[in-house]
Protein backbone atom coordinates (compact mmCIF):
# COMPACT_ATOMS: atom_id res chain seq x y z
CA UNK A 1 76.46 109.44 64.56
CA UNK A 2 78.28 112.42 63.15
CA UNK A 3 81.52 111.19 64.71
CA UNK A 4 81.25 107.81 63.02
CA UNK A 5 80.44 109.41 59.66
CA UNK A 6 83.43 111.72 59.88
CA UNK A 7 85.67 108.80 60.76
CA UNK A 8 84.39 106.86 57.76
CA UNK A 9 85.04 109.77 55.45
CA UNK A 10 88.56 110.16 56.77
CA UNK A 11 89.25 106.50 55.99
CA UNK A 12 88.31 107.10 52.38
CA UNK A 13 90.96 109.79 51.89
CA UNK A 14 93.71 108.48 49.61
CA UNK A 15 96.90 107.56 51.40
CA UNK A 16 98.87 109.95 49.20
CA UNK A 17 96.77 112.86 50.42
CA UNK A 18 97.44 111.84 54.01
CA UNK A 19 101.17 111.92 53.49
CA UNK A 20 100.94 115.27 51.73
CA UNK A 21 98.92 116.65 54.65
CA UNK A 22 101.48 115.39 57.18
CA UNK A 23 104.34 116.78 55.09
CA UNK A 24 102.57 120.14 54.82
CA UNK A 25 102.22 120.32 58.60
CA UNK A 26 105.91 119.51 59.06
CA UNK A 27 106.98 122.15 56.54
CA UNK A 28 104.68 124.72 58.10
CA UNK A 29 106.29 124.09 61.48
CA UNK A 30 104.84 124.30 64.98
CA UNK A 31 102.06 126.63 65.96
CA UNK A 32 103.22 130.16 66.89
CA UNK A 33 102.53 129.59 70.58
CA UNK A 34 104.71 126.46 70.52
CA UNK A 35 107.69 128.07 68.79
CA UNK A 36 109.49 129.19 72.00
CA UNK A 37 109.28 125.70 73.52
CA UNK A 38 110.66 124.09 70.35
CA UNK A 39 113.45 126.66 70.03
CA UNK A 40 114.41 126.29 73.70
CA UNK A 41 114.68 122.51 73.39
CA UNK A 42 116.71 122.67 70.17
CA UNK A 43 118.92 125.40 71.65
CA UNK A 44 119.70 123.21 74.67
CA UNK A 45 120.56 120.31 72.35
CA UNK A 46 122.91 122.48 70.28
CA UNK A 47 124.48 123.79 73.49
CA UNK A 48 125.27 120.26 74.61
CA UNK A 49 126.66 119.51 71.16
CA UNK A 50 128.92 122.58 71.34
CA UNK A 51 130.23 121.53 74.75
CA UNK A 52 130.89 118.02 73.48
CA UNK A 53 132.66 119.43 70.43
CA UNK A 54 135.01 121.43 72.62
CA UNK A 55 135.69 118.68 75.14
CA UNK A 56 136.08 115.59 72.95
CA UNK A 57 139.28 115.50 70.90
CA UNK A 58 139.02 116.16 67.16
CA UNK A 59 138.11 113.44 64.70
CA UNK A 60 141.29 113.04 62.69
CA UNK A 61 139.46 111.27 59.90
CA UNK A 62 137.38 114.35 59.07
CA UNK A 63 137.52 115.27 55.37
CA UNK A 64 138.02 118.95 56.16
CA UNK A 65 140.77 118.28 58.68
CA UNK A 66 143.44 118.81 56.02
CA UNK A 67 142.09 122.29 55.29
CA UNK A 68 142.39 123.33 58.94
CA UNK A 69 146.09 122.44 58.98
CA UNK A 70 146.88 125.68 57.12
CA UNK A 71 145.43 127.71 60.02
CA UNK A 72 147.61 128.72 62.98
CA UNK A 73 147.30 126.29 65.90
CA UNK A 74 146.06 129.02 68.22
CA UNK A 75 142.97 129.51 66.04
CA UNK A 76 141.73 125.96 66.48
CA UNK A 77 142.60 125.97 70.17
CA UNK A 78 140.65 129.17 70.71
CA UNK A 79 137.81 127.62 68.71
CA UNK A 80 137.69 124.73 71.20
CA UNK A 81 137.35 127.14 74.11
CA UNK A 82 134.79 129.20 72.17
CA UNK A 83 132.70 126.12 71.41
CA UNK A 84 132.54 125.26 75.12
CA UNK A 85 131.61 128.80 76.13
CA UNK A 86 128.91 129.10 73.47
CA UNK A 87 127.50 125.75 74.53
CA UNK A 88 127.28 126.76 78.18
CA UNK A 89 125.65 130.07 77.32
CA UNK A 90 123.10 128.37 75.07
CA UNK A 91 122.20 126.00 77.89
CA UNK A 92 121.74 128.99 80.18
CA UNK A 93 119.56 130.68 77.57
CA UNK A 94 117.39 127.64 76.86
CA UNK A 95 114.97 128.38 79.70
CA UNK A 96 114.65 132.01 78.61
CA UNK A 97 113.99 130.94 75.03
CA UNK A 98 111.24 128.59 76.20
CA UNK A 99 109.65 131.53 77.99
CA UNK A 100 109.90 133.68 74.84
CA UNK A 101 112.24 136.20 76.45
CA UNK A 102 113.33 138.97 74.09
CA UNK A 103 116.83 139.25 75.57
CA UNK A 104 117.35 135.48 75.34
CA UNK A 105 116.43 135.65 71.64
CA UNK A 106 118.95 138.44 71.01
CA UNK A 107 121.74 136.59 72.85
CA UNK A 108 121.01 133.35 70.95
CA UNK A 109 121.08 135.16 67.60
CA UNK A 110 124.55 136.47 68.47
CA UNK A 111 125.90 133.17 69.84
CA UNK A 112 124.69 130.69 67.22
CA UNK A 113 126.91 131.93 64.33
CA UNK A 114 129.88 131.99 66.72
CA UNK A 115 129.15 128.42 67.76
CA UNK A 116 128.83 127.32 64.14
CA UNK A 117 132.21 128.86 63.29
CA UNK A 118 133.84 127.30 66.36
CA UNK A 119 132.53 123.83 65.47
CA UNK A 120 133.72 124.16 61.87
CA UNK A 121 137.22 125.28 62.88
CA UNK A 122 137.89 122.88 65.72
CA UNK A 123 135.63 119.86 65.37
CA UNK A 124 135.33 120.13 61.55
CA UNK A 125 131.68 119.25 62.06
CA UNK A 126 129.26 119.99 59.23
CA UNK A 127 126.25 118.77 61.22
CA UNK A 128 126.82 120.93 64.30
CA UNK A 129 127.50 124.04 62.26
CA UNK A 130 124.50 123.48 60.00
CA UNK A 131 122.15 122.92 62.96
CA UNK A 132 123.37 126.13 64.57
CA UNK A 133 122.82 128.12 61.39
CA UNK A 134 119.40 126.58 60.80
CA UNK A 135 118.29 127.56 64.29
CA UNK A 136 119.77 131.02 63.69
CA UNK A 137 117.63 131.46 60.57
CA UNK A 138 114.57 130.05 62.35
CA UNK A 139 115.00 132.56 65.18
CA UNK A 140 115.20 135.42 62.72
CA UNK A 141 112.06 134.21 60.98
CA UNK A 142 110.07 133.94 64.22
CA UNK A 143 111.43 136.96 66.04
CA UNK A 144 107.85 138.15 66.76
CA UNK A 145 107.34 135.08 68.95
CA UNK A 146 109.98 136.36 71.40
CA UNK A 147 108.63 139.58 72.84
CA UNK A 148 108.48 138.75 76.57
CA UNK A 149 110.07 141.38 78.80
CA UNK A 150 112.76 140.47 81.36
CA UNK A 151 111.93 139.42 84.91
CA UNK A 152 112.52 141.61 87.97
CA UNK A 153 116.16 141.28 88.92
CA UNK A 154 117.83 140.46 92.20
CA UNK A 155 121.44 140.88 93.25
CA UNK A 156 121.25 137.45 94.89
CA UNK A 157 121.26 135.97 91.39
CA UNK A 158 124.89 137.07 91.08
CA UNK A 159 125.90 135.03 94.12
CA UNK A 160 123.85 132.04 92.96
CA UNK A 161 125.44 132.29 89.51
CA UNK A 162 128.95 132.39 91.00
CA UNK A 163 128.31 129.27 93.08
CA UNK A 164 126.50 127.25 90.41
CA UNK A 165 128.59 128.43 87.48
CA UNK A 166 131.79 127.98 89.45
CA UNK A 167 130.84 124.41 90.33
CA UNK A 168 129.85 123.62 86.76
CA UNK A 169 133.06 125.17 85.40
CA UNK A 170 135.15 123.10 87.80
CA UNK A 171 133.35 119.88 86.86
CA UNK A 172 133.57 120.56 83.14
CA UNK A 173 137.21 121.60 83.50
CA UNK A 174 138.01 118.29 85.18
CA UNK A 175 136.37 116.49 82.25
CA UNK A 176 138.48 118.52 79.80
CA UNK A 177 141.68 117.68 81.65
CA UNK A 178 140.81 113.98 81.82
CA UNK A 179 139.57 113.72 78.23
CA UNK A 180 143.14 114.14 76.97
CA UNK A 181 144.66 111.47 79.21
CA UNK A 182 146.50 109.86 76.28
CA UNK A 183 148.35 113.13 75.69
CA UNK A 184 149.44 113.64 79.30
CA UNK A 185 153.11 113.46 80.18
CA UNK A 186 153.33 110.81 82.86
CA UNK A 187 150.43 109.68 85.05
CA UNK A 188 149.49 112.61 87.33
CA UNK A 189 147.30 111.67 90.35
CA UNK A 190 143.78 112.98 90.88
CA UNK A 191 144.92 115.66 93.36
CA UNK A 192 147.32 117.08 90.77
CA UNK A 193 144.53 117.10 88.17
CA UNK A 194 142.26 119.03 90.55
CA UNK A 195 145.01 121.55 91.22
CA UNK A 196 145.56 121.92 87.49
CA UNK A 197 141.85 122.66 86.97
CA UNK A 198 141.76 125.25 89.77
CA UNK A 199 144.89 127.03 88.55
CA UNK A 200 143.56 126.95 84.99
CA UNK A 201 140.23 128.53 85.97
CA UNK A 202 142.18 131.43 87.46
CA UNK A 203 144.23 131.80 84.26
CA UNK A 204 147.47 130.23 85.50
CA UNK A 205 149.38 127.28 84.10
CA UNK A 206 149.15 124.08 86.13
CA UNK A 207 151.71 121.34 86.66
CA UNK A 208 150.35 118.83 84.10
CA UNK A 209 152.01 118.76 80.67
CA UNK A 210 150.59 117.50 77.36
CA UNK A 211 152.00 116.64 73.96
CA UNK A 212 150.92 117.79 70.46
CA UNK A 213 149.99 121.32 71.59
CA UNK A 214 147.16 119.97 73.78
CA UNK A 215 148.49 122.27 76.54
CA UNK A 216 147.07 125.24 74.66
CA UNK A 217 143.68 123.61 74.09
CA UNK A 218 143.25 122.69 77.76
CA UNK A 219 144.65 126.02 78.96
CA UNK A 220 142.41 128.10 76.70
CA UNK A 221 139.35 126.05 77.69
CA UNK A 222 139.99 126.34 81.45
CA UNK A 223 140.75 130.03 81.19
CA UNK A 224 137.60 130.62 79.16
CA UNK A 225 135.49 128.79 81.75
CA UNK A 226 136.93 130.91 84.54
CA UNK A 227 136.44 134.09 82.53
CA UNK A 228 132.84 133.13 81.76
CA UNK A 229 132.12 132.58 85.46
CA UNK A 230 133.57 135.95 86.41
CA UNK A 231 131.95 137.80 83.49
CA UNK A 232 128.43 136.46 84.06
CA UNK A 233 128.67 137.07 87.82
CA UNK A 234 129.89 140.63 87.27
CA UNK A 235 127.11 141.27 84.76
CA UNK A 236 124.42 140.06 87.18
CA UNK A 237 125.94 142.07 90.03
CA UNK A 238 126.35 145.39 88.24
CA UNK A 239 123.60 145.46 85.61
CA UNK A 240 120.85 148.05 86.12
CA UNK A 241 118.39 146.57 88.59
CA UNK A 242 114.71 146.29 87.80
CA UNK A 243 112.52 147.49 90.66
CA UNK A 244 111.73 144.72 93.12
CA UNK A 245 108.15 143.86 93.99
CA UNK A 246 107.18 146.81 96.17
CA UNK A 247 103.76 148.13 97.11
CA UNK A 248 103.91 151.89 96.61
CA UNK A 249 102.25 154.23 99.05
CA UNK A 250 99.70 155.26 96.40
CA UNK A 251 98.88 151.62 95.64
CA UNK A 252 98.48 150.88 99.34
CA UNK A 253 96.09 153.79 99.83
CA UNK A 254 93.98 152.64 96.87
CA UNK A 255 93.89 149.08 98.24
CA UNK A 256 92.81 150.33 101.65
CA UNK A 257 89.94 152.22 100.05
CA UNK A 258 88.80 149.03 98.29
CA UNK A 259 89.14 147.02 101.51
CA UNK A 260 87.07 149.58 103.41
CA UNK A 261 84.22 149.00 100.95
CA UNK A 262 84.57 145.32 100.11
CA UNK A 263 86.98 143.84 102.67
CA UNK A 264 84.40 141.59 104.28
CA UNK A 265 84.32 139.30 101.23
CA UNK A 266 87.68 137.61 101.84
CA UNK A 267 89.60 136.97 105.06
CA UNK A 268 92.85 137.17 103.06
CA UNK A 269 92.09 140.66 101.75
CA UNK A 270 94.21 142.56 104.27
CA UNK A 271 97.29 140.51 103.35
CA UNK A 272 97.28 142.21 99.96
CA UNK A 273 98.88 145.09 101.88
CA UNK A 274 102.18 143.23 102.29
CA UNK A 275 104.79 145.66 101.05
CA UNK A 276 106.80 143.03 99.20
CA UNK A 277 103.92 142.47 96.78
CA UNK A 278 102.93 144.31 93.62
CA UNK A 279 99.40 145.04 92.45
CA UNK A 280 97.46 145.52 89.22
CA UNK A 281 94.15 147.39 89.11
CA UNK A 282 91.18 147.03 86.83
CA UNK A 283 90.69 149.81 84.25
CA UNK A 284 87.91 151.25 86.41
CA UNK A 285 90.09 151.10 89.55
CA UNK A 286 87.30 149.27 91.41
CA UNK A 287 89.19 145.96 91.75
CA UNK A 288 92.79 144.82 92.10
CA UNK A 289 94.95 141.69 92.21
CA UNK A 290 98.08 141.58 94.37
CA UNK A 291 100.92 139.28 93.39
CA UNK A 292 104.59 138.43 93.61
CA UNK A 293 106.80 136.87 90.93
CA UNK A 294 108.71 133.83 92.20
CA UNK A 295 110.84 131.65 89.91
CA UNK A 296 108.95 132.78 86.83
CA UNK A 297 105.53 132.23 88.43
CA UNK A 298 103.24 135.25 88.78
CA UNK A 299 101.62 134.22 92.05
CA UNK A 300 98.47 135.95 93.26
CA UNK A 301 96.98 135.28 96.69
CA UNK A 302 93.36 135.13 97.75
CA UNK A 303 90.49 136.63 95.81
CA UNK A 304 90.75 139.90 93.88
CA UNK A 305 90.18 142.95 96.05
CA UNK A 306 87.18 145.17 95.40
CA UNK A 307 83.83 145.03 93.62
CA UNK A 308 83.03 141.56 92.24
CA UNK A 309 81.68 143.09 89.05
CA UNK A 310 85.10 144.67 88.41
CA UNK A 311 87.06 141.47 89.11
CA UNK A 312 87.21 140.45 85.41
CA UNK A 313 88.93 143.72 84.53
CA UNK A 314 91.63 143.22 87.20
CA UNK A 315 92.07 139.59 86.19
CA UNK A 316 92.48 140.62 82.56
CA UNK A 317 95.22 143.09 83.52
CA UNK A 318 96.91 140.38 85.59
CA UNK A 319 96.87 137.89 82.71
CA UNK A 320 98.07 140.51 80.22
CA UNK A 321 101.05 141.35 82.43
CA UNK A 322 101.85 137.65 82.84
CA UNK A 323 101.74 137.18 79.07
CA UNK A 324 103.92 140.23 78.46
CA UNK A 325 106.66 138.82 80.70
CA UNK A 326 105.97 135.16 79.88
CA UNK A 327 105.29 134.41 83.54
CA UNK A 328 103.20 131.42 84.56
CA UNK A 329 99.99 132.79 86.15
CA UNK A 330 98.74 131.13 89.32
CA UNK A 331 96.51 131.94 92.28
CA UNK A 332 97.09 130.58 95.78
CA UNK A 333 94.29 130.33 98.29
CA UNK A 334 91.29 131.78 96.47
CA UNK A 335 87.76 131.02 97.64
CA UNK A 336 85.26 128.96 95.69
CA UNK A 337 83.69 132.11 94.25
CA UNK A 338 87.09 133.48 93.33
CA UNK A 339 88.10 130.21 91.70
CA UNK A 340 84.95 130.18 89.59
CA UNK A 341 85.60 133.74 88.36
CA UNK A 342 89.25 133.01 87.59
CA UNK A 343 88.34 129.83 85.70
CA UNK A 344 85.53 131.52 83.76
CA UNK A 345 87.53 134.59 82.76
CA UNK A 346 90.87 132.94 81.95
CA UNK A 347 90.21 129.29 81.17
CA UNK A 348 92.55 128.26 84.00
CA UNK A 349 91.88 125.18 86.09
CA UNK A 350 91.34 124.98 89.85
CA UNK A 351 92.26 122.40 92.47
CA UNK A 352 91.09 122.26 96.08
CA UNK A 353 94.11 122.26 98.32
CA UNK A 354 92.75 122.72 101.82
CA UNK A 355 90.29 124.45 104.11
CA UNK A 356 90.30 127.61 106.15
CA UNK A 357 89.09 127.35 109.75
CA UNK A 358 86.57 130.08 110.60
CA UNK A 359 85.07 130.50 114.08
CA UNK A 360 81.83 132.45 114.53
CA UNK A 361 82.09 134.35 117.81
CA UNK A 362 78.40 133.99 118.63
CA UNK A 363 78.59 130.20 118.38
CA UNK A 364 81.79 129.74 120.39
CA UNK A 365 81.62 128.41 123.91
CA UNK A 366 83.96 126.50 126.22
CA UNK A 367 81.10 124.44 127.61
CA UNK A 368 80.31 120.96 126.38
CA UNK A 369 82.20 117.70 126.08
CA UNK A 370 83.77 118.60 122.72
CA UNK A 371 85.60 121.56 124.32
CA UNK A 372 86.68 119.70 127.43
CA UNK A 373 90.39 119.50 126.57
CA UNK A 374 90.65 123.18 125.66
CA UNK A 375 88.65 124.20 128.75
CA UNK A 376 90.85 122.18 131.10
CA UNK A 377 94.05 123.47 129.52
CA UNK A 378 92.98 127.10 129.77
CA UNK A 379 91.93 126.72 133.42
CA UNK A 380 95.21 124.99 134.30
CA UNK A 381 97.25 127.81 132.74
CA UNK A 382 95.20 130.48 134.50
CA UNK A 383 95.76 128.71 137.84
CA UNK A 384 99.50 128.91 137.15
CA UNK A 385 99.27 132.70 137.29
CA UNK A 386 98.91 133.69 133.63
CA UNK A 387 96.71 136.61 132.62
CA UNK A 388 95.69 137.87 129.18
CA UNK A 389 95.03 141.19 127.46
CA UNK A 390 93.26 141.70 124.13
CA UNK A 391 93.49 145.22 122.68
CA UNK A 392 93.60 147.18 119.46
CA UNK A 393 97.12 148.14 118.42
CA UNK A 394 96.16 151.80 118.78
CA UNK A 395 95.33 151.23 122.48
CA UNK A 396 98.85 150.05 123.37
CA UNK A 397 101.27 152.66 124.63
CA UNK A 398 104.69 153.05 123.00
CA UNK A 399 106.51 150.93 125.62
CA UNK A 400 104.04 148.04 125.37
CA UNK A 401 104.10 148.06 121.58
CA UNK A 402 107.91 148.12 121.52
CA UNK A 403 108.06 145.18 123.92
CA UNK A 404 105.66 143.18 121.74
CA UNK A 405 107.64 143.94 118.59
CA UNK A 406 110.97 142.98 120.14
CA UNK A 407 109.55 139.83 121.68
CA UNK A 408 107.99 138.74 118.38
CA UNK A 409 111.36 139.16 116.64
CA UNK A 410 113.27 137.39 119.41
CA UNK A 411 110.88 134.43 119.51
CA UNK A 412 110.99 133.96 115.74
CA UNK A 413 112.81 130.78 114.72
CA UNK A 414 114.05 132.21 111.39
CA UNK A 415 116.11 135.29 110.53
CA UNK A 416 113.42 136.81 108.30
CA UNK A 417 109.66 137.05 108.55
CA UNK A 418 108.04 134.29 106.56
CA UNK A 419 104.75 133.96 104.77
CA UNK A 420 102.95 135.29 101.74
CA UNK A 421 99.24 134.54 101.48
CA UNK A 422 98.27 134.85 105.14
CA UNK A 423 101.03 136.91 106.72
CA UNK A 424 101.38 140.68 106.90
CA UNK A 425 105.05 140.80 107.92
CA UNK A 426 104.78 143.76 110.32
CA UNK A 427 103.34 144.72 113.72
CA UNK A 428 102.35 148.15 114.94
CA UNK A 429 102.44 150.04 111.67
CA UNK A 430 100.73 153.46 111.99
CA UNK A 431 98.31 152.44 109.21
CA UNK A 432 97.34 149.20 111.00
CA UNK A 433 96.17 150.62 114.32
CA UNK A 434 92.85 148.74 114.00
CA UNK A 435 94.66 145.39 114.19
CA UNK A 436 94.33 143.44 117.44
CA UNK A 437 97.06 142.08 119.70
CA UNK A 438 96.42 139.40 122.32
CA UNK A 439 99.14 138.97 124.95
CA UNK A 440 99.78 136.56 127.82
CA UNK A 441 101.54 137.75 130.97
CA UNK A 442 103.03 136.20 134.09
CA UNK A 443 105.07 137.80 136.86
CA UNK A 444 108.49 136.20 137.37
CA UNK A 445 108.68 133.79 140.28
CA UNK A 446 110.99 134.35 143.21
CA UNK A 447 114.59 133.71 142.20
CA UNK A 448 113.71 133.53 138.51
CA UNK A 449 115.83 135.61 136.15
CA UNK A 450 113.67 138.44 134.71
CA UNK A 451 112.85 138.37 131.00
CA UNK A 452 114.05 141.22 128.78
CA UNK A 453 110.39 141.64 127.80
CA UNK A 454 109.05 141.97 131.32
CA UNK A 455 106.09 139.74 132.15
CA UNK A 456 105.22 139.13 128.46
CA UNK A 457 105.13 135.40 127.67
CA UNK A 458 103.19 135.08 124.41
CA UNK A 459 101.49 137.18 121.75
CA UNK A 460 99.12 136.87 118.81
CA UNK A 461 98.43 139.40 116.06
CA UNK A 462 95.07 139.67 114.25
CA UNK A 463 94.45 141.82 111.16
CA UNK A 464 91.06 143.22 110.08
CA UNK A 465 88.68 141.19 107.97
CA UNK A 466 86.16 143.78 106.84
CA UNK A 467 84.38 145.74 109.54
CA UNK A 468 83.41 142.87 111.84
CA UNK A 469 86.04 140.16 111.37
CA UNK A 470 89.66 139.37 112.18
CA UNK A 471 92.26 137.02 110.71
CA UNK A 472 94.96 135.41 112.82
CA UNK A 473 98.22 136.58 111.29
CA UNK A 474 100.97 135.71 113.75
CA UNK A 475 101.52 133.87 117.02
CA UNK A 476 104.72 133.69 119.01
CA UNK A 477 105.61 132.66 122.53
CA UNK A 478 108.50 132.38 124.92
CA UNK A 479 109.81 128.82 124.79
CA UNK A 480 110.05 128.77 128.57
CA UNK A 481 106.33 129.49 128.97
CA UNK A 482 103.86 126.77 129.90
CA UNK A 483 102.38 124.71 127.06
CA UNK A 484 99.01 125.80 125.77
CA UNK A 485 99.74 129.50 125.24
CA UNK A 486 98.10 129.45 121.81
CA UNK A 487 94.88 127.93 123.13
CA UNK A 488 94.85 130.45 125.98
CA UNK A 489 95.17 133.48 123.70
CA UNK A 490 92.70 132.24 121.07
CA UNK A 491 90.09 131.67 123.77
CA UNK A 492 90.88 135.09 125.26
CA UNK A 493 90.44 136.72 121.85
CA UNK A 494 87.10 134.99 121.21
CA UNK A 495 85.82 135.97 124.65
CA UNK A 496 86.88 139.60 124.15
CA UNK A 497 85.63 139.73 120.54
CA UNK A 498 82.08 141.06 121.28
CA UNK A 499 83.53 144.11 123.05
CA UNK A 500 85.76 144.73 120.01
CA UNK A 501 82.83 144.40 117.57
CA UNK A 502 84.35 141.25 116.05
CA UNK A 503 81.82 138.63 114.93
CA UNK A 504 84.02 136.12 113.11
CA UNK A 505 87.62 135.00 113.22
CA UNK A 506 89.74 133.29 110.56
CA UNK A 507 91.83 130.91 112.63
CA UNK A 508 94.19 129.08 110.34
CA UNK A 509 94.60 127.05 107.19
CA UNK A 510 94.68 123.24 107.04
CA UNK A 511 96.24 121.67 103.95
CA UNK A 512 94.27 118.77 102.46
CA UNK A 513 91.96 118.63 105.47
CA UNK A 514 89.22 116.77 103.64
CA UNK A 515 91.62 113.98 102.67
CA UNK A 516 92.79 113.60 106.27
CA UNK A 517 89.22 113.57 107.55
CA UNK A 518 87.81 111.15 104.95
CA UNK A 519 90.78 108.80 105.20
CA UNK A 520 90.24 108.28 108.93
CA UNK A 521 86.58 107.32 108.62
CA UNK A 522 85.20 103.80 108.58
CA UNK A 523 84.76 102.50 105.05
CA UNK A 524 87.22 104.88 103.42
CA UNK A 525 88.40 103.64 100.02
CA UNK A 526 91.98 102.59 99.25
CA UNK A 527 92.79 105.77 97.30
CA UNK A 528 91.71 108.03 100.16
CA UNK A 529 93.63 105.90 102.65
CA UNK A 530 96.77 106.15 100.56
CA UNK A 531 96.36 109.93 100.40
CA UNK A 532 95.99 110.13 104.16
CA UNK A 533 99.04 107.93 104.71
CA UNK A 534 101.12 110.14 102.43
CA UNK A 535 99.97 113.29 104.23
CA UNK A 536 100.78 111.82 107.63
CA UNK A 537 104.24 110.93 106.35
CA UNK A 538 104.78 114.49 105.08
CA UNK A 539 103.60 115.77 108.45
CA UNK A 540 106.95 114.71 109.87
CA UNK A 541 108.37 117.78 108.15
CA UNK A 542 105.42 120.09 107.45
CA UNK A 543 103.07 119.44 110.45
CA UNK A 544 100.05 119.06 108.18
CA UNK A 545 98.18 116.74 110.54
CA UNK A 546 99.09 118.58 113.76
CA UNK A 547 97.81 121.88 112.38
CA UNK A 548 94.54 120.30 111.30
CA UNK A 549 94.06 118.78 114.75
CA UNK A 550 94.89 122.06 116.45
CA UNK A 551 92.32 123.95 114.39
CA UNK A 552 89.72 121.25 114.97
CA UNK A 553 89.90 121.87 118.73
CA UNK A 554 87.86 125.05 118.33
CA UNK A 555 85.08 123.43 116.30
CA UNK A 556 85.30 125.82 113.34
CA UNK A 557 83.40 125.76 110.10
CA UNK A 558 85.58 124.93 107.15
CA UNK A 559 85.75 127.02 103.98
CA UNK A 560 87.54 125.39 101.02
CA UNK A 561 90.47 127.16 99.39
CA UNK A 562 91.79 126.54 95.89
CA UNK A 563 94.89 126.90 93.76
CA UNK A 564 94.31 128.11 90.19
CA UNK A 565 96.78 127.07 87.48
CA UNK A 566 97.10 126.88 83.66
CA UNK A 567 97.99 123.19 83.13
CA UNK A 568 98.65 120.12 85.22
CA UNK A 569 102.26 120.08 84.03
CA UNK A 570 102.70 123.52 85.66
CA UNK A 571 101.66 122.29 89.11
CA UNK A 572 105.16 121.16 90.26
CA UNK A 573 106.64 124.50 89.26
CA UNK A 574 103.80 126.44 90.89
CA UNK A 575 104.08 124.33 94.04
CA UNK A 576 107.80 125.03 94.17
CA UNK A 577 107.17 128.77 93.79
CA UNK A 578 104.51 128.70 96.52
CA UNK A 579 106.88 126.95 98.91
CA UNK A 580 109.52 129.58 98.15
CA UNK A 581 107.08 132.44 98.71
CA UNK A 582 105.82 131.01 101.98
CA UNK A 583 109.29 130.25 103.34
CA UNK A 584 109.03 126.45 103.35
CA UNK A 585 112.16 125.93 101.27
CA UNK A 586 114.77 126.06 103.99
CA UNK A 587 117.00 123.04 103.43
CA UNK A 588 117.89 122.49 107.11
CA UNK A 589 114.17 122.51 107.98
CA UNK A 590 113.21 120.28 105.04
CA UNK A 591 115.89 117.76 105.94
CA UNK A 592 115.24 117.82 109.68
CA UNK A 593 112.90 115.03 110.68
CA UNK A 594 110.52 115.63 113.54
CA UNK A 595 111.51 113.67 116.69
CA UNK A 596 109.42 110.62 117.43
CA UNK A 597 108.41 112.00 120.82
CA UNK A 598 106.75 115.10 119.33
CA UNK A 599 103.30 114.20 120.64
CA UNK A 600 102.69 116.43 123.63
CA UNK A 601 100.56 119.55 123.52
CA UNK A 602 103.61 121.72 124.06
CA UNK A 603 105.45 120.28 121.09
CA UNK A 604 102.39 120.55 118.89
CA UNK A 605 102.23 124.23 119.88
CA UNK A 606 105.87 124.66 118.87
CA UNK A 607 105.19 123.09 115.48
CA UNK A 608 102.17 125.33 115.02
CA UNK A 609 104.07 128.50 115.86
CA UNK A 610 106.91 127.60 113.52
CA UNK A 611 104.58 127.09 110.58
CA UNK A 612 101.58 129.27 111.32
CA UNK A 613 102.35 132.23 109.12
CA UNK A 614 103.27 130.01 106.16
CA UNK A 615 100.74 127.23 106.44
CA UNK A 616 97.90 129.75 106.25
CA UNK A 617 98.92 130.10 102.61
CA UNK A 618 97.11 128.36 99.80
């Protein structure tokens, strides 16, 4: 009833008051939290206008054109180049302005008056100059809205800038050369135009000639583009570097103390010890959140480490740091309890994205019809002469550990270790001697060339999960070994687990398992069927279905995992950052379709090994 009464009252407000209210809101401007987004959008628009002003020939009918005739020709030609450069820089700064970066604000305040002057001198444009100055004044007025600190820096950004900026400069230079076609002497072919652009970017004069002093305009513009590419690349390469995400020795020791007390809560806890992550602690020091910043996303993994009662303090520190740098906060792979705490303390939203396969050692057995395939495979491999060993890392001698490390590196299908949420990235560290390594061995047959790793044919690495659990972190095998090595070693680990005081094992992570399972059942609705069809299609590249089926072989119990995010519109960006962190974004792999005959157990094992350390991520 109250809603209807309020609506009736609002209808009785005089129309004049409505318009005054709307006008007052417009004059007041956007809310403080929306100022960076508005400024970034307007800055990008002005940048495009500046580029257009420098590329498109002058409007001869401009009223102020006659006044510019008293200026030297070089002034207006330099103004054309300056307008293009300012436009490009404003486009580059637009994203930083949207994220309220302090340095982006300072650069925009410097560039906008220059762009306004360049437009007035060359294009004789009142509108472009006025818009630039208005945004300049607006930035000065709202300078307190741009206090975000810069992101951690990487030297790779210099190389990326050179490639992207060089390509953009070449494309824009070609447009500049072609936009003055009516002033060209003759009709130069496309190849000659390309050569002219390339020479111009390097500061040399090309073979194309223009009339009416257009040579200077094109030459200045091309030279400025080349200079901008070199200058920005040099700045990114030689500027003082911010420290990369690194887990300090002191932070690691504090995390290990928390894991010793509370590590049994989360199977992902030990992966907080990755040394390419950073960490924030609660004020009491009893809880912590590990994270990495990827593409402007502050990405945490798993639940907070430590005492649950201290989680809110660590989460508050995490959110404060994200706000200070204007990073997008997100959590990958937290449990249901962790998701509830994150949502309650921060107002973020949560989305189920898959399930973790957990096997209870006491309940595991190879007997029964459901384990028939695994049982037969393991027996077949053992008849072929394979043996297994399951030991703590501290129980391996130096030669055995070195062989395992070298084999794991040699059998890796990428140059670098991959993973983030469920990968440790190292084997045999002196601080990880309680980790477990399972290995498969087979003596070489007569006439067979010996392996550089002796009789070692496969390995798996398990990290601690509290005092009585283990999490599968890595599995690799020799491609010449018999199929089924993964099944063999997982069964060997589970059978040896009681002697190692291990009661539970986190096997792997299955993306969108519930959708795959529900979509295959009788009576599934059309929406669920469409979801399953889409996931099966994506499995051609990401092996979503094959990993789920592999995990299902061991009859695990499934624990849901969630991704926590601020808004639905942030999900694509967060998903992109997660794929970067986990190592999915390798273009050759993304573009390589799985062969149609990839249906055998051996090929499913290969797919599992290639994705194991990254698909365990949330």
